[in-house]
Amino acid sequence: MELNIIKSITKSFSRIVNLLLIMPLFGVPLNLKAQSSVEFMEMSKMMLSSRFTL
C-alpha cells in the first residue's frame, strides 16, 4: 500500500519536473512558467492529501 503511494508520488513528481524542464525549450515566458509551477505545486499537494485521506 505505502509502496504504491510512494511510486505514484515519484511518478507525478518526475512528470512535473519534466514539464518544467520542457517548457523553457518551447520559449514559454518566465512568468507563465512560474505561474504553472505554483499550480503544479498546488495540484500535487491536493493529490497527496487526497491519497493519504483514503
PDB file of N, CA and C in Angstrom:
ATOM      1  N   MET A   1       0.838  -1.209   0.000  1.00  0.00           N
ATOM      2  CA  MET A   1       0.000   0.000   0.000  1.00  0.00           C
ATOM      3  C   MET A   1       0.873   1.260   0.000  1.00  0.00           C
ATOM      4  N   GLU A   2       1.784   1.340   0.989  1.00  0.00           N
ATOM      5  CA  GLU A   2       2.657   2.513   1.078  1.00  0.00           C
ATOM      6  C   GLU A   2       3.562   2.614  -0.138  1.00  0.00           C
ATOM      7  N   LEU A   3       3.995   1.457  -0.640  1.00  0.00           N
ATOM      8  CA  LEU A   3       4.877   1.437  -1.808  1.00  0.00           C
ATOM      9  C   LEU A   3       4.172   2.042  -3.019  1.00  0.00           C
ATOM     10  N   ASN A   4       2.890   1.737  -3.176  1.00  0.00           N
ATOM     11  CA  ASN A   4       2.122   2.299  -4.290  1.00  0.00           C
ATOM     12  C   ASN A   4       2.029   3.813  -4.181  1.00  0.00           C
ATOM     13  N   ILE A   5       1.816   4.307  -2.967  1.00  0.00           N
ATOM     14  CA  ILE A   5       1.730   5.754  -2.749  1.00  0.00           C
ATOM     15  C   ILE A   5       3.045   6.413  -3.140  1.00  0.00           C
ATOM     16  N   ILE A   6       4.149   5.821  -2.686  1.00  0.00           N
ATOM     17  CA  ILE A   6       5.470   6.379  -2.996  1.00  0.00           C
ATOM     18  C   ILE A   6       5.714   6.357  -4.496  1.00  0.00           C
ATOM     19  N   LYS A   7       5.331   5.261  -5.131  1.00  0.00           N
ATOM     20  CA  LYS A   7       5.515   5.149  -6.588  1.00  0.00           C
ATOM     21  C   LYS A   7       4.740   6.236  -7.317  1.00  0.00           C
ATOM     22  N   SER A   8       3.487   6.427  -6.945  1.00  0.00           N
ATOM     23  CA  SER A   8       2.664   7.427  -7.633  1.00  0.00           C
ATOM     24  C   SER A   8       3.191   8.837  -7.377  1.00  0.00           C
ATOM     25  N   ILE A   9       3.707   9.067  -6.159  1.00  0.00           N
ATOM     26  CA  ILE A   9       4.278  10.381  -5.844  1.00  0.00           C
ATOM     27  C   ILE A   9       5.483  10.654  -6.731  1.00  0.00           C
ATOM     28  N   THR A  10       6.383   9.682  -6.821  1.00  0.00           N
ATOM     29  CA  THR A  10       7.593   9.883  -7.621  1.00  0.00           C
ATOM     30  C   THR A  10       7.235  10.028  -9.096  1.00  0.00           C
ATOM     31  N   LYS A  11       6.227   9.285  -9.537  1.00  0.00           N
ATOM     32  CA  LYS A  11       5.813   9.363 -10.940  1.00  0.00           C
ATOM     33  C   LYS A  11       5.276  10.757 -11.256  1.00  0.00           C
ATOM     34  N   SER A  12       4.374  11.259 -10.419  1.00  0.00           N
ATOM     35  CA  SER A  12       3.805  12.581 -10.668  1.00  0.00           C
ATOM     36  C   SER A  12       4.870  13.663 -10.517  1.00  0.00           C
ATOM     37  N   PHE A  13       5.798  13.460  -9.566  1.00  0.00           N
ATOM     38  CA  PHE A  13       6.862  14.447  -9.368  1.00  0.00           C
ATOM     39  C   PHE A  13       7.769  14.518 -10.588  1.00  0.00           C
ATOM     40  N   SER A  14       8.143  13.367 -11.118  1.00  0.00           N
ATOM     41  CA  SER A  14       9.019  13.351 -12.296  1.00  0.00           C
ATOM     42  C   SER A  14       8.309  13.960 -13.503  1.00  0.00           C
ATOM     43  N   ARG A  15       6.992  13.741 -13.578  1.00  0.00           N
ATOM     44  CA  ARG A  15       6.221  14.330 -14.672  1.00  0.00           C
ATOM     45  C   ARG A  15       6.240  15.854 -14.568  1.00  0.00           C
ATOM     46  N   ILE A  16       6.072  16.360 -13.347  1.00  0.00           N
ATOM     47  CA  ILE A  16       6.106  17.807 -13.121  1.00  0.00           C
ATOM     48  C   ILE A  16       7.471  18.368 -13.500  1.00  0.00           C
ATOM     49  N   VAL A  17       8.530  17.688 -13.055  1.00  0.00           N
ATOM     50  CA  VAL A  17       9.890  18.142 -13.356  1.00  0.00           C
ATOM     51  C   VAL A  17      10.124  18.147 -14.860  1.00  0.00           C
ATOM     52  N   ASN A  18       9.669  17.092 -15.532  1.00  0.00           N
ATOM     53  CA  ASN A  18       9.824  17.020 -16.987  1.00  0.00           C
ATOM     54  C   ASN A  18       9.125  18.194 -17.664  1.00  0.00           C
ATOM     55  N   LEU A  19       7.910  18.495 -17.222  1.00  0.00           N
ATOM     56  CA  LEU A  19       7.169  19.609 -17.813  1.00  0.00           C
ATOM     57  C   LEU A  19       7.898  20.932 -17.599  1.00  0.00           C
ATOM     58  N   LEU A  20       8.431  21.117 -16.384  1.00  0.00           N
ATOM     59  CA  LEU A  20       9.133  22.361 -16.086  1.00  0.00           C
ATOM     60  C   LEU A  20      10.422  22.467 -16.890  1.00  0.00           C
ATOM     61  N   LEU A  21      11.049  21.321 -17.187  1.00  0.00           N
ATOM     62  CA  LEU A  21      12.272  21.343 -17.991  1.00  0.00           C
ATOM     63  C   LEU A  21      11.958  21.577 -19.461  1.00  0.00           C
ATOM     64  N   ILE A  22      10.815  21.051 -19.915  1.00  0.00           N
ATOM     65  CA  ILE A  22      10.451  21.154 -21.329  1.00  0.00           C
ATOM     66  C   ILE A  22       9.944  22.558 -21.669  1.00  0.00           C
ATOM     67  N   MET A  23       9.222  23.187 -20.751  1.00  0.00           N
ATOM     68  CA  MET A  23       8.612  24.492 -21.015  1.00  0.00           C
ATOM     69  C   MET A  23       9.585  25.533 -21.565  1.00  0.00           C
ATOM     70  N   PRO A  24      10.763  25.740 -20.939  1.00  0.00           N
ATOM     71  CA  PRO A  24      11.686  26.764 -21.456  1.00  0.00           C
ATOM     72  C   PRO A  24      12.125  26.478 -22.891  1.00  0.00           C
ATOM     73  N   LEU A  25      12.195  25.207 -23.267  1.00  0.00           N
ATOM     74  CA  LEU A  25      12.619  24.848 -24.615  1.00  0.00           C
ATOM     75  C   LEU A  25      11.643  25.369 -25.656  1.00  0.00           C
ATOM     76  N   PHE A  26      10.386  25.482 -25.274  1.00  0.00           N
ATOM     77  CA  PHE A  26       9.376  25.981 -26.204  1.00  0.00           C
ATOM     78  C   PHE A  26       9.210  27.494 -26.110  1.00  0.00           C
ATOM     79  N   GLY A  27      10.103  28.135 -25.367  1.00  0.00           N
ATOM     80  CA  GLY A  27      10.084  29.592 -25.284  1.00  0.00           C
ATOM     81  C   GLY A  27       8.921  30.130 -24.478  1.00  0.00           C
ATOM     82  N   VAL A  28       8.519  29.412 -23.454  1.00  0.00           N
ATOM     83  CA  VAL A  28       7.442  29.904 -22.594  1.00  0.00           C
ATOM     84  C   VAL A  28       7.993  31.028 -21.708  1.00  0.00           C
ATOM     85  N   PRO A  29       7.299  32.145 -21.604  1.00  0.00           N
ATOM     86  CA  PRO A  29       7.765  33.252 -20.756  1.00  0.00           C
ATOM     87  C   PRO A  29       7.956  32.809 -19.310  1.00  0.00           C
ATOM     88  N   LEU A  30       8.894  33.479 -18.629  1.00  0.00           N
ATOM     89  CA  LEU A  30       9.244  33.080 -17.268  1.00  0.00           C
ATOM     90  C   LEU A  30       8.060  33.201 -16.319  1.00  0.00           C
ATOM     91  N   ASN A  31       7.285  34.291 -16.441  1.00  0.00           N
ATOM     92  CA  ASN A  31       6.170  34.473 -15.510  1.00  0.00           C
ATOM     93  C   ASN A  31       5.133  33.373 -15.674  1.00  0.00           C
ATOM     94  N   LEU A  32       4.937  32.918 -16.915  1.00  0.00           N
ATOM     95  CA  LEU A  32       3.995  31.830 -17.160  1.00  0.00           C
ATOM     96  C   LEU A  32       4.518  30.543 -16.542  1.00  0.00           C
ATOM     97  N   LYS A  33       5.839  30.323 -16.650  1.00  0.00           N
ATOM     98  CA  LYS A  33       6.438  29.121 -16.086  1.00  0.00           C
ATOM     99  C   LYS A  33       6.291  29.134 -14.563  1.00  0.00           C
ATOM    100  N   ALA A  34       6.543  30.282 -13.960  1.00  0.00           N
ATOM    101  CA  ALA A  34       6.420  30.389 -12.510  1.00  0.00           C
ATOM    102  C   ALA A  34       4.974  30.129 -12.088  1.00  0.00           C
ATOM    103  N   GLN A  35       4.033  30.696 -12.844  1.00  0.00           N
ATOM    104  CA  GLN A  35       2.615  30.504 -12.542  1.00  0.00           C
ATOM    105  C   GLN A  35       2.246  29.031 -12.586  1.00  0.00           C
ATOM    106  N   SER A  36       2.679  28.349 -13.644  1.00  0.00           N
ATOM    107  CA  SER A  36       2.304  26.946 -13.799  1.00  0.00           C
ATOM    108  C   SER A  36       2.984  26.081 -12.745  1.00  0.00           C
ATOM    109  N   SER A  37       4.217  26.443 -12.338  1.00  0.00           N
ATOM    110  CA  SER A  37       4.887  25.646 -11.312  1.00  0.00           C
ATOM    111  C   SER A  37       4.149  25.776  -9.986  1.00  0.00           C
ATOM    112  N   VAL A  38       3.625  26.960  -9.710  1.00  0.00           N
ATOM    113  CA  VAL A  38       2.818  27.146  -8.499  1.00  0.00           C
ATOM    114  C   VAL A  38       1.570  26.277  -8.579  1.00  0.00           C
ATOM    115  N   GLU A  39       0.939  26.263  -9.759  1.00  0.00           N
ATOM    116  CA  GLU A  39      -0.261  25.444  -9.939  1.00  0.00           C
ATOM    117  C   GLU A  39       0.063  23.967  -9.789  1.00  0.00           C
ATOM    118  N   PHE A  40       1.231  23.556 -10.316  1.00  0.00           N
ATOM    119  CA  PHE A  40       1.650  22.165 -10.167  1.00  0.00           C
ATOM    120  C   PHE A  40       1.818  21.819  -8.692  1.00  0.00           C
ATOM    121  N   MET A  41       2.432  22.739  -7.933  1.00  0.00           N
ATOM    122  CA  MET A  41       2.642  22.504  -6.510  1.00  0.00           C
ATOM    123  C   MET A  41       1.298  22.311  -5.813  1.00  0.00           C
ATOM    124  N   GLU A  42       0.348  23.188  -6.113  1.00  0.00           N
ATOM    125  CA  GLU A  42      -0.978  23.086  -5.505  1.00  0.00           C
ATOM    126  C   GLU A  42      -1.655  21.775  -5.891  1.00  0.00           C
ATOM    127  N   MET A  43      -1.537  21.415  -7.167  1.00  0.00           N
ATOM    128  CA  MET A  43      -2.158  20.185  -7.645  1.00  0.00           C
ATOM    129  C   MET A  43      -1.566  18.971  -6.942  1.00  0.00           C
ATOM    130  N   SER A  44      -0.238  18.934  -6.846  1.00  0.00           N
ATOM    131  CA  SER A  44       0.407  17.780  -6.215  1.00  0.00           C
ATOM    132  C   SER A  44       0.056  17.734  -4.731  1.00  0.00           C
ATOM    133  N   LYS A  45      -0.040  18.897  -4.093  1.00  0.00           N
ATOM    134  CA  LYS A  45      -0.442  18.926  -2.683  1.00  0.00           C
ATOM    135  C   LYS A  45      -1.833  18.326  -2.517  1.00  0.00           C
ATOM    136  N   MET A  46      -2.760  18.741  -3.385  1.00  0.00           N
ATOM    137  CA  MET A  46      -4.122  18.222  -3.317  1.00  0.00           C
ATOM    138  C   MET A  46      -4.146  16.715  -3.557  1.00  0.00           C
ATOM    139  N   MET A  47      -3.369  16.272  -4.543  1.00  0.00           N
ATOM    140  CA  MET A  47      -3.308  14.849  -4.845  1.00  0.00           C
ATOM    141  C   MET A  47      -2.781  14.070  -3.646  1.00  0.00           C
ATOM    142  N   LEU A  48      -1.720  14.585  -3.025  1.00  0.00           N
ATOM    143  CA  LEU A  48      -1.120  13.896  -1.884  1.00  0.00           C
ATOM    144  C   LEU A  48      -2.108  13.817  -0.725  1.00  0.00           C
ATOM    145  N   SER A  49      -2.759  14.948  -0.416  1.00  0.00           N
ATOM    146  CA  SER A  49      -3.673  14.956   0.724  1.00  0.00           C
ATOM    147  C   SER A  49      -4.849  14.020   0.477  1.00  0.00           C
ATOM    148  N   SER A  50      -5.350  13.991  -0.762  1.00  0.00           N
ATOM    149  CA  SER A  50      -6.484  13.114  -1.056  1.00  0.00           C
ATOM    150  C   SER A  50      -6.063  11.653  -0.975  1.00  0.00           C
ATOM    151  N   ARG A  51      -4.817  11.363  -1.401  1.00  0.00           N
ATOM    152  CA  ARG A  51      -4.331   9.980  -1.331  1.00  0.00           C
ATOM    153  C   ARG A  51      -4.223   9.532   0.122  1.00  0.00           C
ATOM    154  N   PHE A  52      -3.683  10.408   0.971  1.00  0.00           N
ATOM    155  CA  PHE A  52      -3.439   9.997   2.346  1.00  0.00           C
ATOM    156  C   PHE A  52      -4.733   9.913   3.150  1.00  0.00           C
ATOM    157  N   THR A  53      -5.738  10.702   2.772  1.00  0.00           N
ATOM    158  CA  THR A  53      -7.005  10.598   3.491  1.00  0.00           C
ATOM    159  C   THR A  53      -7.700   9.282   3.144  1.00  0.00           C
ATOM    160  N   LEU A  54      -7.471   8.793   1.917  1.00  0.00           N
ATOM    161  CA  LEU A  54      -8.027   7.493   1.541  1.00  0.00           C
ATOM    162  C   LEU A  54      -7.256   6.414   2.272  1.00  0.00           C
TER     163      LEU A  54
END
